Amino acid sequence: MRRFWHTRELSTVAILALEAIVFTWYLWPEGGRAHPFLNGPNGLLILKYSSIYGIAAIGAAIVIISGGIDLAPGAVIALTSVVTGHLFVKSGWPLAPSVAAGLLTGAAAGLVSSWLIVRVGLPPFIATLGVMGIARGVAFIITEARYYDLSRTIPPGSRLLGVPVDWVAPVVMIAAACVFQFLMKRFQWGRAVFAIGGNETAAVFTGIAVGRVKTSVYVVAGLLASVSGIVLAVAQGQGKADLATGYELDIIASAVVGGASLAGGRGSVVGAVLGALIFGVLRNALPQIPGATFYDRLIVGLVVIVIVVLDQVLVRHER
């Protein structure tokens, strides 16, 4: 059982499958009606909105593996959607430069976080909490409590680079997961991230440029959060300052449920994506159960606590 648990991708897939089976059984309709949960359009809806969490969760997992934490992805998502929407809708920029500016916004937020952590010496929790407030505040200042309507130029059913709008988020998430899983497992950079999270002092003595690696980790996390922001703006057709409010918990929870240890040094990019799908199914199915919508946050919090406790028990057992 311990061996199965340590293969976290397998255990996460098992949890996802069990969750889908339970909701399929519980929501089974009577009288031959169409199943409200087990159908193609609903499956695409789950995949579409889970991907928005999943893309940012990849960055969160990498940060957690390095021994850090990032509380800013929700605010970065919102700021990216605002910057992209402002340039695309109000300033009349073409879509590609507007998207590039949004990506630079996320990278800049990650760079500020890393500077506060690496150079100033602030704890990651405090540094990213400050960046979260700054990013959200700048988004509100730019919009002045309004929003940018992208749906006029990118209507539902349109295609971006030949990909239907509804499939943009899943395609981007799968591509990002493949790229960063490869980087984390096969490249020296990924091994350095694991080494720093496992034992930063030992990593210094082995010659790893800890400051540079940490900087790259937070920049990557900010960049992936900005990708989520662009995808969310396209999916909802809006650039708003209050988008992704509270997403921080979901993103971190996805990474943790997928196997990222808050102690650092362990985790999985693919696991973070699977964790996002677990919460995506949960968020989709609960509103279809009368009275269960109110238990949404409660269940997410309980799941995170249970997973972290189990993780800590296994770590102590190994020692």
Protein backbone atom coordinates (compact mmCIF):
# COMPACT_ATOMS: atom_id res chain seq x y z
CA MET A 1 0.00 0.00 0.00
CA ARG A 2 2.88 2.36 0.84
CA ARG A 3 4.52 1.55 -2.49
CA PHE A 4 1.28 2.37 -4.31
CA TRP A 5 0.90 5.65 -2.39
CA HIS A 6 4.47 6.69 -3.26
CA THR A 7 3.63 6.26 -6.95
CA ARG A 8 1.52 9.36 -6.54
CA GLU A 9 0.36 9.59 -10.14
CA LEU A 10 -1.22 6.13 -9.83
CA SER A 11 -2.83 6.88 -6.48
CA THR A 12 -4.14 10.22 -7.79
CA VAL A 13 -5.61 8.53 -10.87
CA ALA A 14 -7.27 6.00 -8.55
CA ILE A 15 -8.80 8.81 -6.46
CA LEU A 16 -10.02 10.56 -9.63
CA ALA A 17 -11.56 7.36 -10.99
CA LEU A 18 -13.26 6.55 -7.67
CA GLU A 19 -14.63 10.09 -7.48
CA ALA A 20 -16.08 9.86 -11.00
CA ILE A 21 -17.65 6.46 -10.25
CA VAL A 22 -19.28 7.70 -7.05
CA PHE A 23 -20.79 10.78 -8.69
CA THR A 24 -21.92 8.77 -11.71
CA TRP A 25 -23.73 6.34 -9.41
CA TYR A 26 -25.19 8.99 -7.09
CA LEU A 27 -26.45 11.22 -9.91
CA TRP A 28 -27.83 8.37 -12.04
CA PRO A 29 -31.14 9.69 -13.47
CA GLU A 30 -34.49 7.97 -13.27
CA GLY A 31 -36.87 7.26 -16.11
CA GLY A 32 -34.24 7.06 -18.86
CA ARG A 33 -33.36 10.74 -18.74
CA ALA A 34 -29.95 11.96 -19.86
CA HIS A 35 -27.25 11.66 -17.21
CA PRO A 36 -26.46 15.15 -15.82
CA PHE A 37 -22.85 14.26 -15.00
CA LEU A 38 -21.76 11.46 -17.33
CA ASN A 39 -22.06 13.11 -20.76
CA GLY A 40 -19.73 14.56 -23.37
CA PRO A 41 -20.50 18.30 -22.99
CA ASN A 42 -20.19 18.09 -19.21
CA GLY A 43 -16.90 16.21 -19.52
CA LEU A 44 -15.54 18.97 -21.76
CA LEU A 45 -16.77 21.60 -19.29
CA ILE A 46 -14.91 19.85 -16.44
CA LEU A 47 -11.75 19.56 -18.53
CA LYS A 48 -11.99 23.17 -19.69
CA TYR A 49 -12.22 24.77 -16.27
CA SER A 50 -9.96 22.25 -14.53
CA SER A 51 -7.27 23.17 -17.04
CA ILE A 52 -7.29 26.78 -15.85
CA TYR A 53 -6.39 25.56 -12.36
CA GLY A 54 -4.11 22.88 -13.77
CA ILE A 55 -1.85 25.20 -15.75
CA ALA A 56 -1.17 27.36 -12.70
CA ALA A 57 -0.91 24.25 -10.49
CA ILE A 58 2.08 23.12 -12.55
CA GLY A 59 3.91 26.26 -11.50
CA ALA A 60 2.71 25.91 -7.90
CA ALA A 61 3.99 22.33 -7.79
CA ILE A 62 7.45 23.39 -8.99
CA VAL A 63 7.57 26.13 -6.34
CA ILE A 64 6.50 23.71 -3.60
CA ILE A 65 9.05 21.11 -4.74
CA SER A 66 11.75 23.80 -4.37
CA GLY A 67 10.67 24.30 -0.76
CA GLY A 68 8.70 27.51 -1.33
CA ILE A 69 5.10 28.61 -1.58
CA ASP A 70 3.32 31.00 -3.93
CA LEU A 71 0.13 32.80 -2.86
CA ALA A 72 0.01 35.12 -5.88
CA PRO A 73 -1.26 33.01 -8.83
CA GLY A 74 -4.93 34.05 -8.47
CA ALA A 75 -4.05 37.75 -8.50
CA VAL A 76 -1.58 37.24 -11.36
CA ILE A 77 -4.30 35.48 -13.36
CA ALA A 78 -6.61 38.47 -12.86
CA LEU A 79 -3.92 41.06 -13.68
CA THR A 80 -2.93 39.15 -16.82
CA SER A 81 -6.53 39.06 -18.03
CA VAL A 82 -6.81 42.80 -17.40
CA VAL A 83 -3.55 43.70 -19.16
CA THR A 84 -4.38 41.49 -22.15
CA GLY A 85 -7.96 42.77 -22.30
CA HIS A 86 -6.94 46.42 -21.97
CA LEU A 87 -4.41 46.23 -24.81
CA PHE A 88 -6.59 44.04 -27.04
CA VAL A 89 -9.98 45.71 -26.51
CA LYS A 90 -9.28 49.29 -25.47
CA SER A 91 -5.91 50.03 -27.09
CA GLY A 92 -6.63 48.08 -30.26
CA TRP A 93 -3.49 45.96 -30.20
CA PRO A 94 -3.47 42.69 -32.18
CA LEU A 95 -4.07 39.56 -30.13
CA ALA A 96 -0.50 38.22 -30.27
CA PRO A 97 1.22 41.31 -28.80
CA SER A 98 -1.55 41.62 -26.20
CA VAL A 99 -0.98 38.01 -25.12
CA ALA A 100 2.80 38.58 -25.06
CA ALA A 101 2.30 41.59 -22.76
CA GLY A 102 0.13 39.45 -20.48
CA LEU A 103 2.82 36.78 -20.32
CA LEU A 104 5.44 39.40 -19.49
CA THR A 105 3.19 40.62 -16.68
CA GLY A 106 3.17 37.18 -15.08
CA ALA A 107 6.93 36.76 -15.52
CA ALA A 108 7.48 40.19 -13.93
CA ALA A 109 5.33 39.24 -10.93
CA GLY A 110 7.39 36.08 -10.48
CA LEU A 111 10.59 38.09 -10.78
CA VAL A 112 9.46 40.50 -8.05
CA SER A 113 8.56 37.56 -5.77
CA SER A 114 11.93 35.93 -6.35
CA TRP A 115 13.81 39.19 -5.72
CA LEU A 116 12.03 39.65 -2.40
CA ILE A 117 12.81 36.05 -1.42
CA VAL A 118 16.35 35.64 -2.77
CA ARG A 119 17.78 39.15 -2.41
CA VAL A 120 15.79 40.75 0.38
CA GLY A 121 15.45 37.51 2.35
CA LEU A 122 11.72 37.61 2.99
CA PRO A 123 9.92 34.31 3.70
CA PRO A 124 8.10 33.07 0.56
CA PHE A 125 4.74 33.33 2.33
CA ILE A 126 5.20 37.05 3.08
CA ALA A 127 6.79 37.92 -0.26
CA THR A 128 4.12 36.28 -2.39
CA LEU A 129 1.34 37.56 -0.13
CA GLY A 130 2.59 41.09 -0.82
CA VAL A 131 2.83 40.45 -4.56
CA MET A 132 -0.71 39.06 -4.47
CA GLY A 133 -2.03 42.30 -2.99
CA ILE A 134 -0.05 44.46 -5.40
CA ALA A 135 -1.14 42.50 -8.48
CA ARG A 136 -4.81 42.54 -7.49
CA GLY A 137 -4.63 46.25 -6.65
CA VAL A 138 -3.00 47.15 -9.98
CA ALA A 139 -5.72 45.19 -11.80
CA PHE A 140 -8.44 47.22 -10.07
CA ILE A 141 -6.61 50.48 -10.77
CA ILE A 142 -6.37 49.69 -14.50
CA THR A 143 -10.01 48.65 -14.86
CA GLU A 144 -11.55 51.16 -12.42
CA ALA A 145 -14.03 48.42 -11.43
CA ARG A 146 -15.03 47.82 -15.07
CA TYR A 147 -14.18 44.90 -17.35
CA TYR A 148 -12.98 44.34 -20.90
CA ASP A 149 -15.27 42.36 -23.19
CA LEU A 150 -13.18 40.00 -25.30
CA SER A 151 -16.20 38.00 -26.46
CA ARG A 152 -16.99 40.53 -29.21
CA THR A 153 -13.72 39.75 -30.96
CA ILE A 154 -13.34 36.13 -29.83
CA PRO A 155 -16.92 34.80 -29.87
CA PRO A 156 -17.84 31.30 -28.64
CA GLY A 157 -17.18 28.70 -31.32
CA SER A 158 -14.25 30.56 -32.86
CA ARG A 159 -10.79 29.05 -33.29
CA LEU A 160 -7.36 30.16 -32.09
CA LEU A 161 -4.49 28.79 -34.18
CA GLY A 162 -6.90 26.18 -35.49
CA VAL A 163 -7.97 25.04 -32.01
CA PRO A 164 -11.62 25.54 -30.91
CA VAL A 165 -11.87 28.02 -28.02
CA ASP A 166 -13.31 25.37 -25.68
CA TRP A 167 -10.27 23.16 -26.29
CA VAL A 168 -7.60 25.86 -25.87
CA ALA A 169 -7.25 25.39 -22.09
CA PRO A 170 -6.99 21.56 -22.17
CA VAL A 171 -4.49 21.63 -25.05
CA VAL A 172 -2.33 24.22 -23.30
CA MET A 173 -2.46 22.31 -19.99
CA ILE A 174 -1.46 19.00 -21.58
CA ALA A 175 1.37 20.67 -23.53
CA ALA A 176 2.65 22.48 -20.42
CA ALA A 177 2.47 19.29 -18.34
CA CYS A 178 4.49 17.34 -20.92
CA VAL A 179 7.15 20.07 -21.23
CA PHE A 180 7.67 20.62 -17.51
CA GLN A 181 7.47 16.93 -16.59
CA PHE A 182 10.32 16.40 -19.05
CA LEU A 183 12.30 19.38 -17.70
CA MET A 184 11.86 18.28 -14.08
CA LYS A 185 12.85 14.66 -14.72
CA ARG A 186 15.44 14.86 -17.49
CA PHE A 187 17.21 18.21 -17.16
CA GLN A 188 19.77 19.44 -14.65
CA TRP A 189 17.47 22.36 -13.80
CA GLY A 190 14.73 20.02 -12.61
CA ARG A 191 17.13 17.93 -10.54
CA ALA A 192 18.43 21.17 -8.97
CA VAL A 193 14.88 22.17 -8.00
CA PHE A 194 14.39 18.82 -6.24
CA ALA A 195 17.78 19.12 -4.56
CA ILE A 196 17.08 22.61 -3.19
CA GLY A 197 13.72 21.53 -1.81
CA GLY A 198 15.20 18.41 -0.25
CA ASN A 199 18.15 20.11 1.45
CA GLU A 200 19.11 23.65 0.48
CA THR A 201 22.38 23.62 2.46
CA ALA A 202 23.51 20.42 0.77
CA ALA A 203 22.53 21.91 -2.60
CA VAL A 204 24.81 24.91 -1.97
CA PHE A 205 27.76 22.63 -1.17
CA THR A 206 27.19 20.60 -4.33
CA GLY A 207 27.66 23.76 -6.40
CA ILE A 208 24.05 24.50 -7.33
CA ALA A 209 23.36 28.21 -7.92
CA VAL A 210 20.49 28.25 -5.45
CA GLY A 211 19.55 31.90 -5.99
CA ARG A 212 19.33 31.52 -9.77
CA VAL A 213 17.30 28.33 -9.57
CA LYS A 214 14.86 29.86 -7.07
CA THR A 215 14.50 32.92 -9.29
CA SER A 216 13.74 30.74 -12.31
CA VAL A 217 11.18 28.74 -10.29
CA TYR A 218 9.14 31.81 -9.31
CA VAL A 219 9.40 33.31 -12.80
CA VAL A 220 8.11 30.02 -14.28
CA ALA A 221 5.26 29.98 -11.76
CA GLY A 222 4.33 33.57 -12.62
CA LEU A 223 4.52 32.80 -16.33
CA LEU A 224 2.24 29.77 -15.99
CA ALA A 225 -0.22 31.79 -13.88
CA SER A 226 -0.32 34.38 -16.66
CA VAL A 227 -1.01 31.60 -19.19
CA SER A 228 -3.97 30.59 -17.00
CA GLY A 229 -5.10 34.22 -16.98
CA ILE A 230 -5.06 34.44 -20.76
CA VAL A 231 -6.88 31.12 -21.10
CA LEU A 232 -9.49 32.19 -18.53
CA ALA A 233 -10.02 35.54 -20.29
CA VAL A 234 -10.56 33.72 -23.59
CA ALA A 235 -12.86 31.10 -22.00
CA GLN A 236 -15.05 33.67 -20.22
CA GLY A 237 -14.63 36.43 -22.79
CA GLN A 238 -13.72 38.96 -20.09
CA GLY A 239 -10.73 40.66 -18.55
CA LYS A 240 -11.69 41.50 -14.95
CA ALA A 241 -9.86 42.50 -11.79
CA ASP A 242 -11.90 40.14 -9.62
CA LEU A 243 -11.31 37.04 -11.73
CA ALA A 244 -9.73 34.04 -9.99
CA THR A 245 -10.56 35.31 -6.50
CA GLY A 246 -9.76 32.50 -4.08
CA TYR A 247 -8.00 30.42 -6.75
CA GLU A 248 -4.87 30.31 -4.57
CA LEU A 249 -6.32 27.56 -2.37
CA ASP A 250 -7.46 25.49 -5.35
CA ILE A 251 -4.13 25.80 -7.14
CA ILE A 252 -2.02 24.92 -4.12
CA ALA A 253 -4.47 22.16 -3.17
CA SER A 254 -4.21 20.66 -6.66
CA ALA A 255 -0.41 20.55 -6.40
CA VAL A 256 -0.50 19.05 -2.88
CA VAL A 257 -3.13 16.42 -3.70
CA GLY A 258 -1.04 15.53 -6.76
CA GLY A 259 1.94 14.70 -4.57
CA ALA A 260 3.86 17.94 -3.95
CA SER A 261 5.17 17.79 -0.39
CA LEU A 262 5.00 21.06 1.54
CA ALA A 263 8.29 20.00 3.14
CA GLY A 264 9.90 20.34 -0.30
CA GLY A 265 11.95 17.95 -2.39
CA ARG A 266 9.08 15.78 -3.63
CA GLY A 267 6.28 16.27 -6.10
CA SER A 268 5.01 15.74 -9.61
CA VAL A 269 3.91 18.01 -12.44
CA VAL A 270 1.54 15.36 -13.83
CA GLY A 271 0.20 14.82 -10.31
CA ALA A 272 -0.65 18.52 -10.02
CA VAL A 273 -2.68 18.31 -13.23
CA LEU A 274 -4.51 15.21 -11.94
CA GLY A 275 -5.16 17.05 -8.67
CA ALA A 276 -6.76 19.89 -10.61
CA LEU A 277 -9.01 17.37 -12.37
CA ILE A 278 -10.04 15.90 -9.00
CA PHE A 279 -11.21 19.30 -7.77
CA GLY A 280 -12.73 20.07 -11.18
CA VAL A 281 -14.96 16.98 -10.94
CA LEU A 282 -15.84 17.90 -7.36
CA ARG A 283 -16.80 21.46 -8.27
CA ASN A 284 -18.86 20.28 -11.21
CA ALA A 285 -20.77 17.49 -9.45
CA LEU A 286 -21.55 19.08 -6.08
CA PRO A 287 -23.87 21.79 -7.47
CA GLN A 288 -25.94 19.02 -9.05
CA ILE A 289 -26.65 17.55 -5.59
CA PRO A 290 -29.37 19.51 -3.73
CA GLY A 291 -27.85 21.43 -0.83
CA ALA A 292 -24.29 20.19 -1.47
CA THR A 293 -23.01 23.40 -3.08
CA PHE A 294 -22.39 24.94 0.32
CA TYR A 295 -19.98 22.13 1.22
CA ASP A 296 -17.60 23.02 -1.63
CA ARG A 297 -14.93 24.88 0.35
CA LEU A 298 -15.34 22.63 3.38
CA ILE A 299 -14.56 19.52 1.34
CA VAL A 300 -11.58 21.13 -0.40
CA GLY A 301 -10.11 22.15 2.95
CA LEU A 302 -10.66 18.71 4.47
CA VAL A 303 -9.10 16.97 1.48
CA VAL A 304 -5.99 19.14 1.68
CA ILE A 305 -5.59 18.50 5.43
CA VAL A 306 -6.05 14.74 5.06
CA ILE A 307 -3.55 14.52 2.18
CA VAL A 308 -0.92 16.62 4.00
CA VAL A 309 -1.33 14.60 7.22
CA LEU A 310 -0.90 11.33 5.31
CA ASP A 311 2.14 12.78 3.54
CA GLN A 312 3.74 13.80 6.84
CA VAL A 313 3.05 10.37 8.38
CA LEU A 314 4.77 8.65 5.45
CA VAL A 315 7.75 11.02 5.62
CA ARG A 316 8.23 10.30 9.33
CA HIS A 317 7.88 6.57 8.70
CA GLU A 318 10.65 6.74 6.08
CA ARG A 319 12.94 8.46 8.57
